[in-house]
Amino acid sequence: MFLTVLLRRMDLDVSTVGTNFWSS
């Protein structure tokens, strides 16, 4: 359960970083 939350958080962070990178 903890791993699932961690992976989901990592995926969210990667998506946010990717969006910011392409926006700039």
N, C-alpha and C. Protein backbone atom coordinates (compact mmCIF):
# COMPACT_ATOMS: atom_id res chain seq x y z
N MET A 1 0.85 -1.20 0.00
CA MET A 1 0.00 0.00 0.00
C MET A 1 0.88 1.25 0.00
N PHE A 2 1.91 1.24 0.84
CA PHE A 2 2.82 2.38 0.90
C PHE A 2 3.55 2.56 -0.43
N LEU A 3 3.96 1.43 -1.02
CA LEU A 3 4.67 1.50 -2.31
C LEU A 3 3.78 2.09 -3.39
N THR A 4 2.50 1.72 -3.34
CA THR A 4 1.56 2.24 -4.35
C THR A 4 1.46 3.75 -4.25
N VAL A 5 1.36 4.25 -3.02
CA VAL A 5 1.27 5.70 -2.81
C VAL A 5 2.56 6.37 -3.26
N LEU A 6 3.68 5.74 -2.95
CA LEU A 6 4.98 6.32 -3.32
C LEU A 6 5.12 6.39 -4.83
N LEU A 7 4.76 5.30 -5.51
CA LEU A 7 4.85 5.28 -6.97
C LEU A 7 3.91 6.31 -7.57
N ARG A 8 2.72 6.41 -7.03
CA ARG A 8 1.75 7.38 -7.55
C ARG A 8 2.26 8.80 -7.37
N ARG A 9 2.90 9.05 -6.22
CA ARG A 9 3.44 10.38 -5.96
C ARG A 9 4.58 10.69 -6.93
N MET A 10 5.43 9.69 -7.16
CA MET A 10 6.54 9.86 -8.09
C MET A 10 6.02 10.15 -9.49
N ASP A 11 5.00 9.42 -9.91
CA ASP A 11 4.42 9.60 -11.23
C ASP A 11 3.83 11.01 -11.34
N LEU A 12 3.21 11.49 -10.25
CA LEU A 12 2.62 12.82 -10.25
C LEU A 12 3.73 13.87 -10.36
N ASP A 13 4.82 13.67 -9.62
CA ASP A 13 5.94 14.61 -9.66
C ASP A 13 6.54 14.65 -11.06
N VAL A 14 6.72 13.49 -11.67
CA VAL A 14 7.29 13.42 -13.02
C VAL A 14 6.39 14.15 -14.01
N SER A 15 5.08 13.98 -13.87
CA SER A 15 4.13 14.63 -14.78
C SER A 15 4.21 16.15 -14.60
N THR A 16 4.32 16.59 -13.36
CA THR A 16 4.38 18.03 -13.09
C THR A 16 5.67 18.63 -13.66
N VAL A 17 6.78 17.94 -13.44
CA VAL A 17 8.07 18.42 -13.94
C VAL A 17 8.04 18.46 -15.47
N GLY A 18 7.47 17.42 -16.08
CA GLY A 18 7.39 17.37 -17.54
C GLY A 18 6.55 18.52 -18.08
N THR A 19 5.44 18.79 -17.42
CA THR A 19 4.57 19.88 -17.88
C THR A 19 5.28 21.22 -17.75
N ASN A 20 5.96 21.43 -16.63
CA ASN A 20 6.68 22.69 -16.43
C ASN A 20 7.81 22.83 -17.44
N PHE A 21 8.47 21.72 -17.75
CA PHE A 21 9.59 21.76 -18.69
C PHE A 21 9.10 22.15 -20.09
N TRP A 22 7.99 21.55 -20.54
CA TRP A 22 7.50 21.83 -21.88
C TRP A 22 6.85 23.22 -21.94
N SER A 23 6.36 23.71 -20.79
CA SER A 23 5.69 25.02 -20.78
C SER A 23 6.72 26.15 -20.89
N SER A 24 7.90 25.93 -20.31
CA SER A 24 8.91 26.98 -20.30
C SER A 24 9.60 27.13 -21.64
